[in-house]
Amino acid sequence: MTVAALSYAIDEHDHLVKVDEGYYGFAEENGWDEAGASLGRSLWDYVAGDEMKTLQRMLVRRLRDEAGEVELPFRCDGPGVRRRMQIRIVAGRGGRAVLFSARLRSEDEREEPMPLLDPEAPRGEELLAMCGWCDRFEVGGEWVEVEEAARRLELFDRPELPALSHGVCPQCNELLLAA
């Protein structure tokens, strides 16, 4: 891959408002001819799979609410290549803009090209428990925020995501029972 880094930004409605040359170069290398029409469109139009959309939306919402930042490993495969990347996501004050910057960590050629963005791709049988009240995840017996779960479980660096299982964490359960 000739593009080693790229960046883009979304507005408060999650629409792409800024992309750099790395973004367009990355799209070209992946055979994505419509990249030039992506400005103004929802970021979620370009994320495959319900679990991935849910996790990424939660992450962006948390970063906006906390005006924070996170850096995580993730995979961004192309038809003929498997890429491991590192992404840094930063929410500005007030959460109006969220900036994404990604850099390549490694890539391996695929023996057989694969289609991109396949929402019907097989899922593993693993379940990831999520509290339906506070949106935290159970990781190793501990209930943690989405960014910590993504980091510990390397969710965005996996070939397949676990299915989400909704329930109620012990803290929220106590609050509900006390009400």
N, C-alpha and C. Protein backbone atom coordinates (compact mmCIF):
# COMPACT_ATOMS: atom_id res chain seq x y z
N MET A 1 0.86 -1.18 0.00
CA MET A 1 0.00 0.00 0.00
C MET A 1 0.89 1.23 0.00
N THR A 2 0.57 2.15 -0.86
CA THR A 2 1.37 3.37 -0.90
C THR A 2 0.88 4.40 0.09
N VAL A 3 -0.39 4.34 0.48
CA VAL A 3 -0.93 5.28 1.46
C VAL A 3 -0.69 4.70 2.85
N ALA A 4 0.11 5.37 3.64
CA ALA A 4 0.43 4.88 4.99
C ALA A 4 -0.40 5.56 6.06
N ALA A 5 -1.08 6.68 5.71
CA ALA A 5 -1.89 7.39 6.70
C ALA A 5 -3.01 8.14 5.98
N LEU A 6 -4.11 8.34 6.71
CA LEU A 6 -5.24 9.08 6.16
C LEU A 6 -6.00 9.71 7.31
N SER A 7 -6.82 10.71 7.00
CA SER A 7 -7.66 11.31 8.03
C SER A 7 -8.95 11.83 7.42
N TYR A 8 -9.95 11.94 8.29
CA TYR A 8 -11.25 12.48 7.89
C TYR A 8 -11.95 13.00 9.13
N ALA A 9 -12.99 13.80 8.92
CA ALA A 9 -13.73 14.39 10.04
C ALA A 9 -15.23 14.30 9.75
N ILE A 10 -16.00 14.18 10.85
CA ILE A 10 -17.45 14.20 10.74
C ILE A 10 -18.00 15.35 11.57
N ASP A 11 -19.20 15.80 11.19
CA ASP A 11 -19.85 16.87 11.94
C ASP A 11 -20.76 16.28 13.02
N GLU A 12 -21.57 17.13 13.64
CA GLU A 12 -22.44 16.69 14.73
C GLU A 12 -23.54 15.73 14.27
N HIS A 13 -23.76 15.65 12.95
CA HIS A 13 -24.76 14.72 12.40
C HIS A 13 -24.11 13.47 11.83
N ASP A 14 -22.82 13.31 12.08
CA ASP A 14 -22.03 12.17 11.62
C ASP A 14 -21.83 12.15 10.10
N HIS A 15 -21.92 13.31 9.47
CA HIS A 15 -21.66 13.40 8.04
C HIS A 15 -20.19 13.76 7.81
N LEU A 16 -19.60 13.14 6.81
CA LEU A 16 -18.22 13.45 6.46
C LEU A 16 -18.13 14.89 5.98
N VAL A 17 -17.25 15.68 6.61
CA VAL A 17 -17.12 17.09 6.25
C VAL A 17 -15.72 17.44 5.77
N LYS A 18 -14.76 16.55 6.02
CA LYS A 18 -13.40 16.83 5.59
C LYS A 18 -12.65 15.51 5.43
N VAL A 19 -11.92 15.41 4.33
CA VAL A 19 -11.07 14.25 4.10
C VAL A 19 -9.75 14.75 3.52
N ASP A 20 -8.70 13.97 3.69
CA ASP A 20 -7.41 14.40 3.14
C ASP A 20 -7.05 13.57 1.91
N GLU A 21 -5.91 13.87 1.33
CA GLU A 21 -5.46 13.14 0.13
C GLU A 21 -5.24 11.67 0.42
N GLY A 22 -4.82 11.35 1.66
CA GLY A 22 -4.64 9.95 2.03
C GLY A 22 -5.95 9.17 1.94
N TYR A 23 -7.06 9.82 2.30
CA TYR A 23 -8.38 9.20 2.22
C TYR A 23 -8.69 8.82 0.77
N TYR A 24 -8.48 9.78 -0.14
CA TYR A 24 -8.76 9.52 -1.56
C TYR A 24 -7.80 8.49 -2.13
N GLY A 25 -6.52 8.56 -1.72
CA GLY A 25 -5.55 7.57 -2.20
C GLY A 25 -5.89 6.17 -1.71
N PHE A 26 -6.31 6.07 -0.46
CA PHE A 26 -6.71 4.79 0.12
C PHE A 26 -7.91 4.23 -0.64
N ALA A 27 -8.89 5.10 -0.92
CA ALA A 27 -10.08 4.67 -1.67
C ALA A 27 -9.70 4.18 -3.06
N GLU A 28 -8.81 4.89 -3.71
CA GLU A 28 -8.37 4.50 -5.06
C GLU A 28 -7.69 3.14 -5.03
N GLU A 29 -6.83 2.92 -4.05
CA GLU A 29 -6.13 1.64 -3.93
C GLU A 29 -7.09 0.48 -3.71
N ASN A 30 -8.26 0.77 -3.14
CA ASN A 30 -9.27 -0.26 -2.89
C ASN A 30 -10.31 -0.35 -4.00
N GLY A 31 -10.12 0.42 -5.07
CA GLY A 31 -11.06 0.36 -6.18
C GLY A 31 -12.39 1.00 -5.90
N TRP A 32 -12.42 1.96 -4.96
CA TRP A 32 -13.67 2.63 -4.59
C TRP A 32 -13.80 3.90 -5.40
N ASP A 33 -14.54 3.82 -6.49
CA ASP A 33 -14.67 4.93 -7.42
C ASP A 33 -15.56 6.06 -6.90
N GLU A 34 -16.45 5.78 -5.95
CA GLU A 34 -17.40 6.78 -5.46
C GLU A 34 -16.85 7.62 -4.30
N ALA A 35 -15.59 7.50 -3.95
CA ALA A 35 -15.03 8.22 -2.81
C ALA A 35 -15.19 9.73 -2.96
N GLY A 36 -15.12 10.23 -4.17
CA GLY A 36 -15.26 11.66 -4.40
C GLY A 36 -16.63 12.20 -4.02
N ALA A 37 -17.63 11.31 -3.93
CA ALA A 37 -18.99 11.73 -3.58
C ALA A 37 -19.30 11.47 -2.10
N SER A 38 -18.29 11.15 -1.30
CA SER A 38 -18.56 10.78 0.09
C SER A 38 -18.76 11.98 1.01
N LEU A 39 -18.21 13.15 0.67
CA LEU A 39 -18.42 14.33 1.52
C LEU A 39 -19.91 14.66 1.61
N GLY A 40 -20.35 14.92 2.83
CA GLY A 40 -21.76 15.22 3.06
C GLY A 40 -22.60 14.00 3.37
N ARG A 41 -22.07 12.83 3.15
CA ARG A 41 -22.80 11.59 3.43
C ARG A 41 -22.50 11.11 4.84
N SER A 42 -23.35 10.27 5.37
CA SER A 42 -23.19 9.73 6.70
C SER A 42 -22.00 8.77 6.76
N LEU A 43 -21.21 8.88 7.81
CA LEU A 43 -20.12 7.95 8.04
C LEU A 43 -20.64 6.52 8.08
N TRP A 44 -21.84 6.34 8.60
CA TRP A 44 -22.40 5.00 8.80
C TRP A 44 -22.77 4.33 7.50
N ASP A 45 -22.83 5.08 6.39
CA ASP A 45 -23.04 4.47 5.08
C ASP A 45 -21.86 3.59 4.68
N TYR A 46 -20.71 3.80 5.33
CA TYR A 46 -19.48 3.12 4.93
C TYR A 46 -18.98 2.11 5.96
N VAL A 47 -19.81 1.81 6.95
CA VAL A 47 -19.44 0.83 7.96
C VAL A 47 -20.31 -0.41 7.76
N ALA A 48 -19.67 -1.55 7.58
CA ALA A 48 -20.40 -2.79 7.31
C ALA A 48 -20.72 -3.53 8.60
N GLY A 49 -21.90 -4.10 8.66
CA GLY A 49 -22.29 -4.96 9.77
C GLY A 49 -22.93 -4.21 10.91
N ASP A 50 -24.04 -4.75 11.40
CA ASP A 50 -24.78 -4.10 12.48
C ASP A 50 -23.98 -3.99 13.77
N GLU A 51 -23.23 -5.05 14.13
CA GLU A 51 -22.44 -5.00 15.36
C GLU A 51 -21.38 -3.91 15.29
N MET A 52 -20.71 -3.82 14.14
CA MET A 52 -19.66 -2.81 13.98
C MET A 52 -20.25 -1.40 14.04
N LYS A 53 -21.38 -1.19 13.38
CA LYS A 53 -22.03 0.12 13.44
C LYS A 53 -22.41 0.47 14.88
N THR A 54 -22.99 -0.48 15.59
CA THR A 54 -23.39 -0.24 16.97
C THR A 54 -22.19 0.15 17.83
N LEU A 55 -21.13 -0.64 17.74
CA LEU A 55 -19.94 -0.37 18.55
C LEU A 55 -19.31 0.97 18.20
N GLN A 56 -19.19 1.26 16.91
CA GLN A 56 -18.56 2.52 16.52
C GLN A 56 -19.43 3.72 16.88
N ARG A 57 -20.73 3.61 16.73
CA ARG A 57 -21.62 4.71 17.12
C ARG A 57 -21.51 4.98 18.62
N MET A 58 -21.47 3.92 19.41
CA MET A 58 -21.35 4.08 20.86
C MET A 58 -20.02 4.75 21.20
N LEU A 59 -18.97 4.35 20.53
CA LEU A 59 -17.65 4.92 20.78
C LEU A 59 -17.64 6.41 20.46
N VAL A 60 -18.17 6.78 19.31
CA VAL A 60 -18.22 8.19 18.92
C VAL A 60 -19.08 8.99 19.91
N ARG A 61 -20.21 8.43 20.32
CA ARG A 61 -21.07 9.12 21.29
C ARG A 61 -20.34 9.35 22.61
N ARG A 62 -19.64 8.32 23.09
CA ARG A 62 -18.89 8.45 24.35
C ARG A 62 -17.80 9.51 24.23
N LEU A 63 -17.10 9.52 23.13
CA LEU A 63 -16.04 10.51 22.95
C LEU A 63 -16.63 11.91 22.90
N ARG A 64 -17.75 12.06 22.25
CA ARG A 64 -18.40 13.37 22.20
C ARG A 64 -18.85 13.81 23.60
N ASP A 65 -19.47 12.92 24.33
CA ASP A 65 -19.97 13.25 25.66
C ASP A 65 -18.85 13.61 26.62
N GLU A 66 -17.72 12.96 26.46
CA GLU A 66 -16.58 13.19 27.35
C GLU A 66 -15.56 14.15 26.76
N ALA A 67 -15.78 14.61 25.51
CA ALA A 67 -14.81 15.44 24.78
C ALA A 67 -13.43 14.80 24.89
N GLY A 68 -13.39 13.53 24.55
CA GLY A 68 -12.16 12.77 24.75
C GLY A 68 -11.53 12.29 23.46
N GLU A 69 -10.58 11.39 23.66
CA GLU A 69 -9.90 10.78 22.53
C GLU A 69 -9.52 9.36 22.89
N VAL A 70 -9.33 8.56 21.86
CA VAL A 70 -8.94 7.17 22.04
C VAL A 70 -8.08 6.76 20.85
N GLU A 71 -7.18 5.81 21.09
CA GLU A 71 -6.39 5.23 20.02
C GLU A 71 -6.54 3.72 20.13
N LEU A 72 -6.90 3.08 19.00
CA LEU A 72 -7.19 1.65 18.99
C LEU A 72 -6.63 0.99 17.74
N PRO A 73 -6.29 -0.30 17.84
CA PRO A 73 -5.96 -1.05 16.63
C PRO A 73 -7.25 -1.42 15.90
N PHE A 74 -7.19 -1.52 14.58
CA PHE A 74 -8.35 -1.98 13.82
C PHE A 74 -7.89 -2.59 12.51
N ARG A 75 -8.80 -3.31 11.87
CA ARG A 75 -8.52 -3.90 10.56
C ARG A 75 -9.31 -3.15 9.52
N CYS A 76 -8.69 -2.95 8.39
CA CYS A 76 -9.36 -2.31 7.26
C CYS A 76 -8.88 -3.03 6.00
N ASP A 77 -9.52 -4.13 5.69
CA ASP A 77 -9.07 -4.97 4.59
C ASP A 77 -9.51 -4.42 3.25
N GLY A 78 -8.74 -4.72 2.22
CA GLY A 78 -9.08 -4.44 0.84
C GLY A 78 -9.37 -5.75 0.16
N PRO A 79 -9.82 -5.72 -1.10
CA PRO A 79 -10.17 -6.97 -1.78
C PRO A 79 -9.00 -7.96 -1.83
N GLY A 80 -7.79 -7.48 -2.01
CA GLY A 80 -6.64 -8.38 -2.14
C GLY A 80 -5.65 -8.29 -1.01
N VAL A 81 -6.02 -7.61 0.07
CA VAL A 81 -5.05 -7.38 1.15
C VAL A 81 -5.75 -7.34 2.51
N ARG A 82 -5.06 -7.81 3.53
CA ARG A 82 -5.53 -7.71 4.92
C ARG A 82 -4.65 -6.65 5.58
N ARG A 83 -5.26 -5.58 6.09
CA ARG A 83 -4.51 -4.48 6.69
C ARG A 83 -4.80 -4.37 8.18
N ARG A 84 -3.75 -4.17 8.94
CA ARG A 84 -3.87 -3.86 10.36
C ARG A 84 -3.44 -2.40 10.50
N MET A 85 -4.30 -1.63 11.14
CA MET A 85 -4.06 -0.20 11.25
C MET A 85 -4.24 0.25 12.70
N GLN A 86 -3.89 1.46 12.96
CA GLN A 86 -4.09 2.10 14.26
C GLN A 86 -4.92 3.35 13.99
N ILE A 87 -5.99 3.54 14.74
CA ILE A 87 -6.82 4.72 14.54
C ILE A 87 -6.84 5.57 15.81
N ARG A 88 -6.81 6.87 15.60
CA ARG A 88 -6.94 7.83 16.70
C ARG A 88 -8.19 8.64 16.41
N ILE A 89 -9.08 8.69 17.40
CA ILE A 89 -10.34 9.41 17.25
C ILE A 89 -10.38 10.48 18.34
N VAL A 90 -10.61 11.72 17.92
CA VAL A 90 -10.61 12.84 18.85
C VAL A 90 -11.90 13.64 18.66
N ALA A 91 -12.63 13.84 19.76
CA ALA A 91 -13.84 14.66 19.71
C ALA A 91 -13.49 16.06 20.20
N GLY A 92 -13.89 17.07 19.43
CA GLY A 92 -13.65 18.46 19.83
C GLY A 92 -14.61 18.87 20.92
N ARG A 93 -14.35 20.02 21.49
CA ARG A 93 -15.23 20.56 22.54
C ARG A 93 -16.66 20.69 22.01
N GLY A 94 -17.61 20.29 22.82
CA GLY A 94 -19.01 20.35 22.42
C GLY A 94 -19.41 19.19 21.52
N GLY A 95 -18.45 18.35 21.13
CA GLY A 95 -18.75 17.17 20.32
C GLY A 95 -19.19 17.45 18.91
N ARG A 96 -19.06 18.69 18.45
CA ARG A 96 -19.55 19.02 17.11
C ARG A 96 -18.74 18.33 16.02
N ALA A 97 -17.44 18.28 16.18
CA ALA A 97 -16.60 17.63 15.17
C ALA A 97 -15.84 16.48 15.81
N VAL A 98 -15.70 15.43 15.05
CA VAL A 98 -14.90 14.28 15.48
C VAL A 98 -13.88 14.02 14.38
N LEU A 99 -12.62 13.97 14.77
CA LEU A 99 -11.53 13.77 13.82
C LEU A 99 -11.00 12.35 13.94
N PHE A 100 -10.78 11.72 12.79
CA PHE A 100 -10.25 10.37 12.73
C PHE A 100 -8.93 10.43 11.97
N SER A 101 -7.91 9.79 12.49
CA SER A 101 -6.66 9.67 11.75
C SER A 101 -6.19 8.23 11.90
N ALA A 102 -5.79 7.63 10.81
CA ALA A 102 -5.39 6.23 10.81
C ALA A 102 -4.03 6.09 10.15
N ARG A 103 -3.26 5.13 10.66
CA ARG A 103 -1.97 4.82 10.05
C ARG A 103 -1.82 3.31 9.93
N LEU A 104 -1.11 2.91 8.91
CA LEU A 104 -0.89 1.51 8.63
C LEU A 104 0.11 0.91 9.60
N ARG A 105 -0.20 -0.27 10.15
CA ARG A 105 0.74 -1.02 10.98
C ARG A 105 1.37 -2.16 10.18
N SER A 106 0.55 -2.90 9.42
CA SER A 106 1.07 -3.98 8.58
C SER A 106 -0.01 -4.38 7.58
N GLU A 107 0.43 -5.07 6.54
CA GLU A 107 -0.53 -5.61 5.58
C GLU A 107 0.01 -6.89 4.97
N ASP A 108 -0.91 -7.79 4.66
CA ASP A 108 -0.57 -9.08 4.06
C ASP A 108 -1.43 -9.26 2.82
N GLU A 109 -0.82 -9.75 1.75
CA GLU A 109 -1.57 -10.03 0.53
C GLU A 109 -2.49 -11.22 0.76
N ARG A 110 -3.68 -11.16 0.18
CA ARG A 110 -4.60 -12.30 0.22
C ARG A 110 -4.31 -13.18 -0.99
N GLU A 111 -4.39 -14.49 -0.79
CA GLU A 111 -4.20 -15.38 -1.93
C GLU A 111 -5.36 -15.26 -2.90
N GLU A 112 -6.56 -15.07 -2.35
CA GLU A 112 -7.75 -14.97 -3.19
C GLU A 112 -8.49 -13.69 -2.82
N PRO A 113 -8.73 -12.79 -3.78
CA PRO A 113 -9.44 -11.54 -3.46
C PRO A 113 -10.81 -11.81 -2.85
N MET A 114 -11.21 -10.92 -1.92
CA MET A 114 -12.51 -11.06 -1.25
C MET A 114 -13.32 -9.79 -1.47
N PRO A 115 -14.65 -9.91 -1.53
CA PRO A 115 -15.48 -8.71 -1.67
C PRO A 115 -15.39 -7.85 -0.41
N LEU A 116 -15.54 -6.53 -0.58
CA LEU A 116 -15.51 -5.59 0.53
C LEU A 116 -16.90 -5.39 1.12
N LEU A 117 -16.94 -4.93 2.37
CA LEU A 117 -18.18 -4.52 3.04
C LEU A 117 -19.30 -5.54 2.90
N ASP A 118 -19.04 -6.75 3.34
CA ASP A 118 -20.04 -7.80 3.24
C ASP A 118 -20.78 -7.95 4.56
N PRO A 119 -21.97 -7.32 4.68
CA PRO A 119 -22.70 -7.41 5.94
C PRO A 119 -23.18 -8.82 6.23
N GLU A 120 -23.16 -9.70 5.25
CA GLU A 120 -23.59 -11.08 5.43
C GLU A 120 -22.43 -12.00 5.80
N ALA A 121 -21.26 -11.42 6.05
CA ALA A 121 -20.09 -12.23 6.41
C ALA A 121 -20.40 -13.05 7.65
N PRO A 122 -19.87 -14.27 7.72
CA PRO A 122 -20.18 -15.10 8.89
C PRO A 122 -19.66 -14.48 10.19
N ARG A 123 -20.40 -14.66 11.25
CA ARG A 123 -20.03 -14.17 12.56
C ARG A 123 -19.58 -15.36 13.41
N GLY A 124 -18.72 -15.09 14.34
CA GLY A 124 -18.31 -16.12 15.28
C GLY A 124 -19.46 -16.43 16.22
N GLU A 125 -19.30 -17.46 17.02
CA GLU A 125 -20.34 -17.84 17.96
C GLU A 125 -20.17 -17.14 19.30
N GLU A 126 -19.11 -16.37 19.45
CA GLU A 126 -18.84 -15.65 20.68
C GLU A 126 -19.90 -14.56 20.89
N LEU A 127 -20.30 -14.36 22.15
CA LEU A 127 -21.24 -13.31 22.51
C LEU A 127 -20.53 -12.28 23.37
N LEU A 128 -20.87 -11.02 23.15
CA LEU A 128 -20.35 -9.93 23.96
C LEU A 128 -21.52 -9.31 24.70
N ALA A 129 -21.51 -9.43 26.02
CA ALA A 129 -22.62 -8.93 26.84
C ALA A 129 -22.54 -7.42 26.98
N MET A 130 -23.68 -6.77 26.75
CA MET A 130 -23.79 -5.31 26.83
C MET A 130 -24.97 -4.96 27.72
N CYS A 131 -24.77 -4.02 28.64
CA CYS A 131 -25.86 -3.57 29.50
C CYS A 131 -26.81 -2.69 28.70
N GLY A 132 -28.07 -3.01 28.69
CA GLY A 132 -29.07 -2.24 27.96
C GLY A 132 -29.38 -0.90 28.59
N TRP A 133 -28.91 -0.65 29.82
CA TRP A 133 -29.18 0.60 30.50
C TRP A 133 -28.02 1.57 30.42
N CYS A 134 -26.82 1.10 30.71
CA CYS A 134 -25.68 2.03 30.76
C CYS A 134 -24.71 1.87 29.59
N ASP A 135 -24.96 0.89 28.72
CA ASP A 135 -24.14 0.65 27.52
C ASP A 135 -22.71 0.22 27.82
N ARG A 136 -22.47 -0.33 29.01
CA ARG A 136 -21.15 -0.88 29.28
C ARG A 136 -21.13 -2.35 28.86
N PHE A 137 -19.91 -2.89 28.73
CA PHE A 137 -19.71 -4.26 28.26
C PHE A 137 -19.01 -5.09 29.32
N GLU A 138 -19.34 -6.37 29.37
CA GLU A 138 -18.67 -7.28 30.30
C GLU A 138 -17.44 -7.87 29.63
N VAL A 139 -16.31 -7.62 30.26
CA VAL A 139 -15.03 -8.13 29.75
C VAL A 139 -14.32 -8.78 30.93
N GLY A 140 -14.16 -10.07 30.87
CA GLY A 140 -13.46 -10.78 31.94
C GLY A 140 -14.09 -10.59 33.31
N GLY A 141 -15.43 -10.55 33.37
CA GLY A 141 -16.12 -10.41 34.65
C GLY A 141 -16.25 -8.97 35.14
N GLU A 142 -15.72 -8.01 34.38
CA GLU A 142 -15.78 -6.59 34.77
C GLU A 142 -16.60 -5.83 33.72
N TRP A 143 -17.41 -4.89 34.17
CA TRP A 143 -18.23 -4.09 33.26
C TRP A 143 -17.48 -2.79 32.96
N VAL A 144 -17.16 -2.58 31.67
CA VAL A 144 -16.33 -1.45 31.26
C VAL A 144 -16.99 -0.68 30.12
N GLU A 145 -16.53 0.55 29.93
CA GLU A 145 -17.05 1.41 28.85
C GLU A 145 -16.62 0.86 27.48
N VAL A 146 -17.28 1.31 26.44
CA VAL A 146 -17.08 0.78 25.10
C VAL A 146 -15.63 0.90 24.63
N GLU A 147 -14.97 2.03 24.91
CA GLU A 147 -13.60 2.18 24.43
C GLU A 147 -12.64 1.21 25.13
N GLU A 148 -12.91 0.92 26.41
CA GLU A 148 -12.07 -0.03 27.13
C GLU A 148 -12.34 -1.45 26.64
N ALA A 149 -13.59 -1.77 26.37
CA ALA A 149 -13.92 -3.10 25.82
C ALA A 149 -13.26 -3.28 24.45
N ALA A 150 -13.34 -2.24 23.60
CA ALA A 150 -12.71 -2.31 22.28
C ALA A 150 -11.21 -2.51 22.40
N ARG A 151 -10.60 -1.84 23.35
CA ARG A 151 -9.15 -1.95 23.55
C ARG A 151 -8.78 -3.34 24.08
N ARG A 152 -9.43 -3.77 25.15
CA ARG A 152 -9.08 -5.06 25.77
C ARG A 152 -9.33 -6.24 24.85
N LEU A 153 -10.45 -6.21 24.14
CA LEU A 153 -10.82 -7.33 23.28
C LEU A 153 -10.32 -7.18 21.85
N GLU A 154 -9.65 -6.04 21.57
CA GLU A 154 -9.18 -5.74 20.21
C GLU A 154 -10.30 -5.94 19.18
N LEU A 155 -11.47 -5.39 19.50
CA LEU A 155 -12.66 -5.62 18.68
C LEU A 155 -12.52 -5.15 17.25
N PHE A 156 -11.85 -4.02 17.02
CA PHE A 156 -11.76 -3.49 15.67
C PHE A 156 -10.59 -4.07 14.90
N ASP A 157 -9.88 -5.00 15.52
CA ASP A 157 -8.73 -5.64 14.89
C ASP A 157 -9.02 -7.10 14.57
N ARG A 158 -10.24 -7.53 14.78
CA ARG A 158 -10.62 -8.94 14.59
C ARG A 158 -11.16 -9.20 13.19
N PRO A 159 -11.01 -10.43 12.72
CA PRO A 159 -11.60 -10.77 11.43
C PRO A 159 -13.12 -10.84 11.48
N GLU A 160 -13.67 -11.16 12.66
CA GLU A 160 -15.12 -11.17 12.83
C GLU A 160 -15.46 -10.70 14.24
N LEU A 161 -16.56 -10.00 14.34
CA LEU A 161 -16.99 -9.46 15.64
C LEU A 161 -17.89 -10.46 16.36
N PRO A 162 -17.85 -10.44 17.68
CA PRO A 162 -18.83 -11.24 18.42
C PRO A 162 -20.22 -10.61 18.29
N ALA A 163 -21.24 -11.42 18.41
CA ALA A 163 -22.60 -10.90 18.42
C ALA A 163 -22.84 -10.21 19.76
N LEU A 164 -23.65 -9.17 19.75
CA LEU A 164 -23.97 -8.45 20.99
C LEU A 164 -25.14 -9.14 21.69
N SER A 165 -25.00 -9.31 22.99
CA SER A 165 -26.04 -9.89 23.82
C SER A 165 -26.42 -8.83 24.85
N HIS A 166 -27.68 -8.44 24.89
CA HIS A 166 -28.11 -7.38 25.79
C HIS A 166 -28.65 -7.95 27.10
N GLY A 167 -28.35 -7.25 28.15
CA GLY A 167 -28.81 -7.63 29.48
C GLY A 167 -28.71 -6.42 30.38
N VAL A 168 -28.55 -6.65 31.68
CA VAL A 168 -28.43 -5.56 32.64
C VAL A 168 -27.24 -5.88 33.55
N CYS A 169 -26.32 -4.92 33.68
CA CYS A 169 -25.15 -5.13 34.53
C CYS A 169 -25.57 -5.12 36.00
N PRO A 170 -24.75 -5.64 36.90
CA PRO A 170 -25.11 -5.67 38.32
C PRO A 170 -25.41 -4.29 38.93
N GLN A 171 -24.64 -3.26 38.53
CA GLN A 171 -24.88 -1.91 39.06
C GLN A 171 -26.26 -1.40 38.68
N CYS A 172 -26.60 -1.52 37.39
CA CYS A 172 -27.90 -1.06 36.93
C CYS A 172 -29.02 -1.91 37.52
N ASN A 173 -28.77 -3.21 37.68
CA ASN A 173 -29.75 -4.09 38.27
C ASN A 173 -30.09 -3.64 39.70
N GLU A 174 -29.06 -3.27 40.47
CA GLU A 174 -29.30 -2.77 41.84
C GLU A 174 -30.15 -1.52 41.82
N LEU A 175 -29.82 -0.59 40.90
CA LEU A 175 -30.60 0.65 40.80
C LEU A 175 -32.05 0.38 40.44
N LEU A 176 -32.26 -0.55 39.51
CA LEU A 176 -33.62 -0.90 39.09
C LEU A 176 -34.40 -1.53 40.22
N LEU A 177 -33.76 -2.42 40.98
CA LEU A 177 -34.44 -3.09 42.08
C LEU A 177 -34.76 -2.13 43.22
N ALA A 178 -33.91 -1.11 43.39
CA ALA A 178 -34.12 -0.13 44.45
C ALA A 178 -35.24 0.85 44.12
N ALA A 179 -35.57 0.98 42.86
CA ALA A 179 -36.58 1.97 42.44
C ALA A 179 -37.99 1.56 42.77
